[in-house]
PDB file of N, CA and C in Angstrom:
ATOM      1  N   MET A   1       6.173  -1.907  -2.318  1.00  0.00           N
ATOM      2  CA  MET A   1       4.944  -1.923  -3.086  1.00  0.00           C
ATOM      3  C   MET A   1       4.092  -3.087  -2.603  1.00  0.00           C
ATOM      4  N   LEU A   2       2.815  -2.827  -2.511  1.00  0.00           N
ATOM      5  CA  LEU A   2       1.863  -3.856  -2.112  1.00  0.00           C
ATOM      6  C   LEU A   2       0.778  -3.961  -3.165  1.00  0.00           C
ATOM      7  N   TRP A   3       0.423  -5.179  -3.517  1.00  0.00           N
ATOM      8  CA  TRP A   3      -0.694  -5.441  -4.407  1.00  0.00           C
ATOM      9  C   TRP A   3      -1.716  -6.188  -3.578  1.00  0.00           C
ATOM     10  N   LEU A   4      -2.901  -5.613  -3.432  1.00  0.00           N
ATOM     11  CA  LEU A   4      -3.934  -6.199  -2.590  1.00  0.00           C
ATOM     12  C   LEU A   4      -5.116  -6.661  -3.430  1.00  0.00           C
ATOM     13  N   GLY A   5      -5.658  -7.792  -3.055  1.00  0.00           N
ATOM     14  CA  GLY A   5      -6.919  -8.256  -3.600  1.00  0.00           C
ATOM     15  C   GLY A   5      -7.988  -7.945  -2.570  1.00  0.00           C
ATOM     16  N   VAL A   6      -8.945  -7.116  -2.947  1.00  0.00           N
ATOM     17  CA  VAL A   6      -9.975  -6.644  -2.021  1.00  0.00           C
ATOM     18  C   VAL A   6     -11.339  -6.980  -2.614  1.00  0.00           C
ATOM     19  N   ALA A   7     -12.286  -7.343  -1.764  1.00  0.00           N
ATOM     20  CA  ALA A   7     -13.648  -7.586  -2.234  1.00  0.00           C
ATOM     21  C   ALA A   7     -14.127  -6.338  -2.980  1.00  0.00           C
ATOM     22  N   PRO A   8     -14.671  -6.496  -4.186  1.00  0.00           N
ATOM     23  CA  PRO A   8     -15.034  -5.336  -5.005  1.00  0.00           C
ATOM     24  C   PRO A   8     -15.920  -4.312  -4.303  1.00  0.00           C
ATOM     25  N   GLY A   9     -16.864  -4.758  -3.506  1.00  0.00           N
ATOM     26  CA  GLY A   9     -17.744  -3.832  -2.811  1.00  0.00           C
ATOM     27  C   GLY A   9     -17.079  -3.069  -1.679  1.00  0.00           C
ATOM     28  N   ALA A  10     -15.872  -3.469  -1.314  1.00  0.00           N
ATOM     29  CA  ALA A  10     -15.161  -2.830  -0.208  1.00  0.00           C
ATOM     30  C   ALA A  10     -13.950  -2.034  -0.683  1.00  0.00           C
ATOM     31  N   LEU A  11     -13.772  -1.923  -1.992  1.00  0.00           N
ATOM     32  CA  LEU A  11     -12.571  -1.290  -2.538  1.00  0.00           C
ATOM     33  C   LEU A  11     -12.390   0.145  -2.044  1.00  0.00           C
ATOM     34  N   GLN A  12     -13.420   0.952  -2.109  1.00  0.00           N
ATOM     35  CA  GLN A  12     -13.295   2.344  -1.679  1.00  0.00           C
ATOM     36  C   GLN A  12     -13.010   2.435  -0.183  1.00  0.00           C
ATOM     37  N   ARG A  13     -13.749   1.664   0.615  1.00  0.00           N
ATOM     38  CA  ARG A  13     -13.567   1.729   2.065  1.00  0.00           C
ATOM     39  C   ARG A  13     -12.160   1.292   2.470  1.00  0.00           C
ATOM     40  N   VAL A  14     -11.699   0.183   1.917  1.00  0.00           N
ATOM     41  CA  VAL A  14     -10.354  -0.308   2.247  1.00  0.00           C
ATOM     42  C   VAL A  14      -9.298   0.682   1.756  1.00  0.00           C
ATOM     43  N   GLY A  15      -9.472   1.224   0.553  1.00  0.00           N
ATOM     44  CA  GLY A  15      -8.521   2.204   0.030  1.00  0.00           C
ATOM     45  C   GLY A  15      -8.429   3.441   0.904  1.00  0.00           C
ATOM     46  N   GLU A  16      -9.563   3.956   1.324  1.00  0.00           N
ATOM     47  CA  GLU A  16      -9.565   5.145   2.177  1.00  0.00           C
ATOM     48  C   GLU A  16      -8.967   4.852   3.549  1.00  0.00           C
ATOM     49  N   THR A  17      -9.286   3.688   4.103  1.00  0.00           N
ATOM     50  CA  THR A  17      -8.709   3.305   5.403  1.00  0.00           C
ATOM     51  C   THR A  17      -7.204   3.167   5.296  1.00  0.00           C
ATOM     52  N   LEU A  18      -6.744   2.496   4.244  1.00  0.00           N
ATOM     53  CA  LEU A  18      -5.310   2.309   4.049  1.00  0.00           C
ATOM     54  C   LEU A  18      -4.602   3.645   3.818  1.00  0.00           C
ATOM     55  N   SER A  19      -5.241   4.555   3.103  1.00  0.00           N
ATOM     56  CA  SER A  19      -4.607   5.850   2.833  1.00  0.00           C
ATOM     57  C   SER A  19      -4.446   6.696   4.091  1.00  0.00           C
ATOM     58  N   ALA A  20      -5.196   6.393   5.135  1.00  0.00           N
ATOM     59  CA  ALA A  20      -5.073   7.126   6.395  1.00  0.00           C
ATOM     60  C   ALA A  20      -3.905   6.645   7.251  1.00  0.00           C
ATOM     61  N   HIS A  21      -3.317   5.497   6.917  1.00  0.00           N
ATOM     62  CA  HIS A  21      -2.186   4.983   7.675  1.00  0.00           C
ATOM     63  C   HIS A  21      -0.956   5.866   7.426  1.00  0.00           C
ATOM     64  N   PRO A  22      -0.214   6.185   8.459  1.00  0.00           N
ATOM     65  CA  PRO A  22       0.950   7.073   8.274  1.00  0.00           C
ATOM     66  C   PRO A  22       2.052   6.481   7.398  1.00  0.00           C
ATOM     67  N   GLN A  23       2.114   5.157   7.250  1.00  0.00           N
ATOM     68  CA  GLN A  23       3.161   4.527   6.441  1.00  0.00           C
ATOM     69  C   GLN A  23       2.874   4.585   4.945  1.00  0.00           C
ATOM     70  N   THR A  24       1.617   4.850   4.559  1.00  0.00           N
ATOM     71  CA  THR A  24       1.294   4.810   3.140  1.00  0.00           C
ATOM     72  C   THR A  24       1.708   6.092   2.442  1.00  0.00           C
ATOM     73  N   ASP A  25       2.264   5.908   1.252  1.00  0.00           N
ATOM     74  CA  ASP A  25       2.693   7.026   0.420  1.00  0.00           C
ATOM     75  C   ASP A  25       1.717   7.201  -0.740  1.00  0.00           C
ATOM     76  N   VAL A  26       1.316   6.092  -1.355  1.00  0.00           N
ATOM     77  CA  VAL A  26       0.393   6.087  -2.493  1.00  0.00           C
ATOM     78  C   VAL A  26      -0.597   4.947  -2.295  1.00  0.00           C
ATOM     79  N   VAL A  27      -1.860   5.198  -2.592  1.00  0.00           N
ATOM     80  CA  VAL A  27      -2.887   4.158  -2.615  1.00  0.00           C
ATOM     81  C   VAL A  27      -3.731   4.410  -3.858  1.00  0.00           C
ATOM     82  N   ALA A  28      -3.930   3.380  -4.678  1.00  0.00           N
ATOM     83  CA  ALA A  28      -4.692   3.553  -5.915  1.00  0.00           C
ATOM     84  C   ALA A  28      -5.463   2.293  -6.256  1.00  0.00           C
ATOM     85  N   ALA A  29      -6.675   2.478  -6.763  1.00  0.00           N
ATOM     86  CA  ALA A  29      -7.474   1.364  -7.277  1.00  0.00           C
ATOM     87  C   ALA A  29      -6.957   1.006  -8.665  1.00  0.00           C
ATOM     88  N   THR A  30      -6.937  -0.286  -8.967  1.00  0.00           N
ATOM     89  CA  THR A  30      -6.469  -0.773 -10.255  1.00  0.00           C
ATOM     90  C   THR A  30      -7.462  -1.814 -10.772  1.00  0.00           C
ATOM     91  N   THR A  31      -7.125  -2.439 -11.878  1.00  0.00           N
ATOM     92  CA  THR A  31      -7.933  -3.538 -12.387  1.00  0.00           C
ATOM     93  C   THR A  31      -7.097  -4.799 -12.365  1.00  0.00           C
ATOM     94  N   GLY A  32      -7.751  -5.932 -12.427  1.00  0.00           N
ATOM     95  CA  GLY A  32      -7.041  -7.204 -12.438  1.00  0.00           C
ATOM     96  C   GLY A  32      -7.171  -7.931 -11.119  1.00  0.00           C
ATOM     97  N   PRO A  33      -6.413  -9.002 -10.953  1.00  0.00           N
ATOM     98  CA  PRO A  33      -6.507  -9.803  -9.725  1.00  0.00           C
ATOM     99  C   PRO A  33      -6.178  -8.995  -8.467  1.00  0.00           C
ATOM    100  N   SER A  34      -5.235  -8.089  -8.587  1.00  0.00           N
ATOM    101  CA  SER A  34      -4.937  -7.159  -7.494  1.00  0.00           C
ATOM    102  C   SER A  34      -5.610  -5.852  -7.861  1.00  0.00           C
ATOM    103  N   ASN A  35      -6.625  -5.474  -7.087  1.00  0.00           N
ATOM    104  CA  ASN A  35      -7.386  -4.297  -7.469  1.00  0.00           C
ATOM    105  C   ASN A  35      -7.092  -3.061  -6.630  1.00  0.00           C
ATOM    106  N   LEU A  36      -6.064  -3.143  -5.788  1.00  0.00           N
ATOM    107  CA  LEU A  36      -5.624  -1.995  -4.999  1.00  0.00           C
ATOM    108  C   LEU A  36      -4.112  -2.090  -4.857  1.00  0.00           C
ATOM    109  N   ILE A  37      -3.417  -1.006  -5.157  1.00  0.00           N
ATOM    110  CA  ILE A  37      -1.966  -0.984  -4.948  1.00  0.00           C
ATOM    111  C   ILE A  37      -1.644   0.078  -3.919  1.00  0.00           C
ATOM    112  N   ALA A  38      -0.555  -0.135  -3.211  1.00  0.00           N
ATOM    113  CA  ALA A  38      -0.128   0.831  -2.210  1.00  0.00           C
ATOM    114  C   ALA A  38       1.391   0.815  -2.110  1.00  0.00           C
ATOM    115  N   THR A  39       1.932   1.966  -1.840  1.00  0.00           N
ATOM    116  CA  THR A  39       3.344   2.082  -1.510  1.00  0.00           C
ATOM    117  C   THR A  39       3.406   2.450  -0.039  1.00  0.00           C
ATOM    118  N   VAL A  40       4.126   1.664   0.726  1.00  0.00           N
ATOM    119  CA  VAL A  40       4.305   1.958   2.151  1.00  0.00           C
ATOM    120  C   VAL A  40       5.781   2.204   2.410  1.00  0.00           C
ATOM    121  N   ILE A  41       6.051   3.097   3.327  1.00  0.00           N
ATOM    122  CA  ILE A  41       7.418   3.433   3.693  1.00  0.00           C
ATOM    123  C   ILE A  41       7.688   2.823   5.069  1.00  0.00           C
ATOM    124  N   CYS A  42       8.610   1.876   5.120  1.00  0.00           N
ATOM    125  CA  CYS A  42       8.976   1.204   6.370  1.00  0.00           C
ATOM    126  C   CYS A  42      10.483   1.302   6.564  1.00  0.00           C
ATOM    127  N   ARG A  43      10.909   1.401   7.810  1.00  0.00           N
ATOM    128  CA  ARG A  43      12.342   1.508   8.112  1.00  0.00           C
ATOM    129  C   ARG A  43      13.098   0.215   7.857  1.00  0.00           C
ATOM    130  N   ASN A  44      12.413  -0.922   8.042  1.00  0.00           N
ATOM    131  CA  ASN A  44      13.091  -2.215   7.897  1.00  0.00           C
ATOM    132  C   ASN A  44      12.046  -3.310   7.699  1.00  0.00           C
ATOM    133  N   THR A  45      12.519  -4.537   7.532  1.00  0.00           N
ATOM    134  CA  THR A  45      11.592  -5.640   7.277  1.00  0.00           C
ATOM    135  C   THR A  45      10.724  -5.962   8.493  1.00  0.00           C
ATOM    136  N   THR A  46      11.236  -5.719   9.675  1.00  0.00           N
ATOM    137  CA  THR A  46      10.429  -5.948  10.879  1.00  0.00           C
ATOM    138  C   THR A  46       9.236  -5.005  10.897  1.00  0.00           C
ATOM    139  N   GLU A  47       9.468  -3.738  10.580  1.00  0.00           N
ATOM    140  CA  GLU A  47       8.367  -2.776  10.537  1.00  0.00           C
ATOM    141  C   GLU A  47       7.362  -3.143   9.448  1.00  0.00           C
ATOM    142  N   LEU A  48       7.862  -3.595   8.298  1.00  0.00           N
ATOM    143  CA  LEU A  48       6.971  -4.040   7.227  1.00  0.00           C
ATOM    144  C   LEU A  48       6.129  -5.225   7.703  1.00  0.00           C
ATOM    145  N   TYR A  49       6.752  -6.187   8.340  1.00  0.00           N
ATOM    146  CA  TYR A  49       6.034  -7.356   8.852  1.00  0.00           C
ATOM    147  C   TYR A  49       4.938  -6.934   9.833  1.00  0.00           C
ATOM    148  N   LEU A  50       5.273  -6.060  10.765  1.00  0.00           N
ATOM    149  CA  LEU A  50       4.293  -5.620  11.756  1.00  0.00           C
ATOM    150  C   LEU A  50       3.143  -4.863  11.098  1.00  0.00           C
ATOM    151  N   ASP A  51       3.465  -4.018  10.117  1.00  0.00           N
ATOM    152  CA  ASP A  51       2.427  -3.274   9.411  1.00  0.00           C
ATOM    153  C   ASP A  51       1.508  -4.226   8.647  1.00  0.00           C
ATOM    154  N   LEU A  52       2.100  -5.209   7.970  1.00  0.00           N
ATOM    155  CA  LEU A  52       1.292  -6.193   7.247  1.00  0.00           C
ATOM    156  C   LEU A  52       0.418  -7.000   8.202  1.00  0.00           C
ATOM    157  N   ASN A  53       0.983  -7.408   9.311  1.00  0.00           N
ATOM    158  CA  ASN A  53       0.277  -8.272  10.253  1.00  0.00           C
ATOM    159  C   ASN A  53      -0.811  -7.535  11.028  1.00  0.00           C
ATOM    160  N   HIS A  54      -0.508  -6.357  11.524  1.00  0.00           N
ATOM    161  CA  HIS A  54      -1.437  -5.665  12.419  1.00  0.00           C
ATOM    162  C   HIS A  54      -2.351  -4.666  11.726  1.00  0.00           C
ATOM    163  N   ASN A  55      -1.922  -4.091  10.623  1.00  0.00           N
ATOM    164  CA  ASN A  55      -2.720  -3.049   9.978  1.00  0.00           C
ATOM    165  C   ASN A  55      -3.331  -3.523   8.665  1.00  0.00           C
ATOM    166  N   ILE A  56      -2.503  -3.812   7.701  1.00  0.00           N
ATOM    167  CA  ILE A  56      -2.991  -4.115   6.358  1.00  0.00           C
ATOM    168  C   ILE A  56      -3.727  -5.449   6.308  1.00  0.00           C
ATOM    169  N   GLY A  57      -3.130  -6.488   6.835  1.00  0.00           N
ATOM    170  CA  GLY A  57      -3.763  -7.803   6.828  1.00  0.00           C
ATOM    171  C   GLY A  57      -5.013  -7.876   7.679  1.00  0.00           C
ATOM    172  N   ALA A  58      -5.149  -6.965   8.624  1.00  0.00           N
ATOM    173  CA  ALA A  58      -6.314  -6.962   9.510  1.00  0.00           C
ATOM    174  C   ALA A  58      -7.499  -6.206   8.921  1.00  0.00           C
ATOM    175  N   LEU A  59      -7.311  -5.537   7.768  1.00  0.00           N
ATOM    176  CA  LEU A  59      -8.427  -4.811   7.164  1.00  0.00           C
ATOM    177  C   LEU A  59      -9.488  -5.795   6.675  1.00  0.00           C
ATOM    178  N   PRO A  60     -10.742  -5.618   7.084  1.00  0.00           N
ATOM    179  CA  PRO A  60     -11.797  -6.506   6.599  1.00  0.00           C
ATOM    180  C   PRO A  60     -11.893  -6.455   5.074  1.00  0.00           C
ATOM    181  N   ASP A  61     -12.220  -7.565   4.475  1.00  0.00           N
ATOM    182  CA  ASP A  61     -12.399  -7.708   3.029  1.00  0.00           C
ATOM    183  C   ASP A  61     -11.102  -7.687   2.232  1.00  0.00           C
ATOM    184  N   THR A  62      -9.945  -7.702   2.924  1.00  0.00           N
ATOM    185  CA  THR A  62      -8.668  -7.858   2.225  1.00  0.00           C
ATOM    186  C   THR A  62      -8.436  -9.352   2.069  1.00  0.00           C
ATOM    187  N   GLN A  63      -8.436  -9.816   0.829  1.00  0.00           N
ATOM    188  CA  GLN A  63      -8.357 -11.240   0.546  1.00  0.00           C
ATOM    189  C   GLN A  63      -6.943 -11.722   0.284  1.00  0.00           C
ATOM    190  N   SER A  64      -6.084 -10.836  -0.224  1.00  0.00           N
ATOM    191  CA  SER A  64      -4.695 -11.224  -0.493  1.00  0.00           C
ATOM    192  C   SER A  64      -3.809  -9.987  -0.514  1.00  0.00           C
ATOM    193  N   VAL A  65      -2.540 -10.204  -0.197  1.00  0.00           N
ATOM    194  CA  VAL A  65      -1.543  -9.134  -0.253  1.00  0.00           C
ATOM    195  C   VAL A  65      -0.253  -9.726  -0.797  1.00  0.00           C
ATOM    196  N   GLU A  66       0.286  -9.098  -1.826  1.00  0.00           N
ATOM    197  CA  GLU A  66       1.602  -9.465  -2.337  1.00  0.00           C
ATOM    198  C   GLU A  66       2.527  -8.282  -2.099  1.00  0.00           C
ATOM    199  N   THR A  67       3.758  -8.582  -1.715  1.00  0.00           N
ATOM    200  CA  THR A  67       4.717  -7.513  -1.440  1.00  0.00           C
ATOM    201  C   THR A  67       5.889  -7.592  -2.410  1.00  0.00           C
ATOM    202  N   ALA A  68       6.453  -6.440  -2.683  1.00  0.00           N
ATOM    203  CA  ALA A  68       7.661  -6.345  -3.501  1.00  0.00           C
ATOM    204  C   ALA A  68       8.480  -5.186  -2.947  1.00  0.00           C
ATOM    205  N   PRO A  69       9.317  -5.454  -1.937  1.00  0.00           N
ATOM    206  CA  PRO A  69      10.132  -4.379  -1.380  1.00  0.00           C
ATOM    207  C   PRO A  69      11.105  -3.826  -2.422  1.00  0.00           C
ATOM    208  N   ALA A  70      11.246  -2.520  -2.438  1.00  0.00           N
ATOM    209  CA  ALA A  70      12.237  -1.887  -3.312  1.00  0.00           C
ATOM    210  C   ALA A  70      13.594  -2.006  -2.632  1.00  0.00           C
ATOM    211  N   ILE A  71      14.550  -2.580  -3.313  1.00  0.00           N
ATOM    212  CA  ILE A  71      15.875  -2.744  -2.716  1.00  0.00           C
ATOM    213  C   ILE A  71      16.822  -1.611  -3.098  1.00  0.00           C
ATOM    214  N   ARG A  72      16.474  -0.870  -4.155  1.00  0.00           N
ATOM    215  CA  ARG A  72      17.281   0.284  -4.532  1.00  0.00           C
ATOM    216  C   ARG A  72      16.420   1.213  -5.357  1.00  0.00           C
ATOM    217  N   GLU A  73      16.360   2.457  -4.960  1.00  0.00           N
ATOM    218  CA  GLU A  73      15.592   3.451  -5.709  1.00  0.00           C
ATOM    219  C   GLU A  73      16.505   4.102  -6.732  1.00  0.00           C
ATOM    220  N   VAL A  74      16.086   4.081  -7.982  1.00  0.00           N
ATOM    221  CA  VAL A  74      16.892   4.643  -9.063  1.00  0.00           C
ATOM    222  C   VAL A  74      16.445   6.067  -9.393  1.00  0.00           C
ATOM    223  N   LYS A  75      15.143   6.306  -9.349  1.00  0.00           N
ATOM    224  CA  LYS A  75      14.630   7.629  -9.667  1.00  0.00           C
ATOM    225  C   LYS A  75      13.328   7.844  -8.910  1.00  0.00           C
ATOM    226  N   ARG A  76      13.119   9.074  -8.452  1.00  0.00           N
ATOM    227  CA  ARG A  76      11.855   9.465  -7.834  1.00  0.00           C
ATOM    228  C   ARG A  76      11.544  10.881  -8.308  1.00  0.00           C
ATOM    229  N   LEU A  77      10.348  11.063  -8.831  1.00  0.00           N
ATOM    230  CA  LEU A  77       9.930  12.390  -9.216  1.00  0.00           C
ATOM    231  C   LEU A  77       9.479  13.140  -7.979  1.00  0.00           C
ATOM    232  N   THR A  78       9.911  14.357  -7.843  1.00  0.00           N
ATOM    233  CA  THR A  78       9.497  15.188  -6.719  1.00  0.00           C
ATOM    234  C   THR A  78       9.019  16.529  -7.272  1.00  0.00           C
ATOM    235  N   PRO A  79       8.111  17.170  -6.557  1.00  0.00           N
ATOM    236  CA  PRO A  79       7.649  18.473  -7.032  1.00  0.00           C
ATOM    237  C   PRO A  79       8.803  19.469  -7.032  1.00  0.00           C
ATOM    238  N   HIS A  80       8.804  20.330  -8.003  1.00  0.00           N
ATOM    239  CA  HIS A  80       9.835  21.367  -8.086  1.00  0.00           C
ATOM    240  C   HIS A  80       9.524  22.482  -7.093  1.00  0.00           C
ATOM    241  N   SER A  81      10.553  23.023  -6.495  1.00  0.00           N
ATOM    242  CA  SER A  81      10.390  24.149  -5.580  1.00  0.00           C
ATOM    243  C   SER A  81      10.110  25.413  -6.393  1.00  0.00           C
ATOM    244  N   PRO A  82       9.268  26.298  -5.869  1.00  0.00           N
ATOM    245  CA  PRO A  82       9.039  27.552  -6.587  1.00  0.00           C
ATOM    246  C   PRO A  82      10.324  28.367  -6.676  1.00  0.00           C
ATOM    247  N   ALA A  83      10.518  29.007  -7.776  1.00  0.00           N
ATOM    248  CA  ALA A  83      11.753  29.794  -7.987  1.00  0.00           C
ATOM    249  C   ALA A  83      11.738  31.085  -7.208  1.00  0.00           C
TER     250      ALA A  83
END
């Protein structure tokens, strides 16, 4: 999970750019100090570091990024298959 602080006037542009990255699973605008959240899927911490350094951190108007890697998934909702 990533919590990003983005310049308010750039929220839509940064969100759309981030959503086009193949590693992103969810991107959503929020309220508060972190006004954009994203879930990225990375194979390991090295891939996360590279993604943060080269892609996410390089987005113009991104002022801050906080990370919280999931260490164990307990539940994930998935769409049901048609019967």
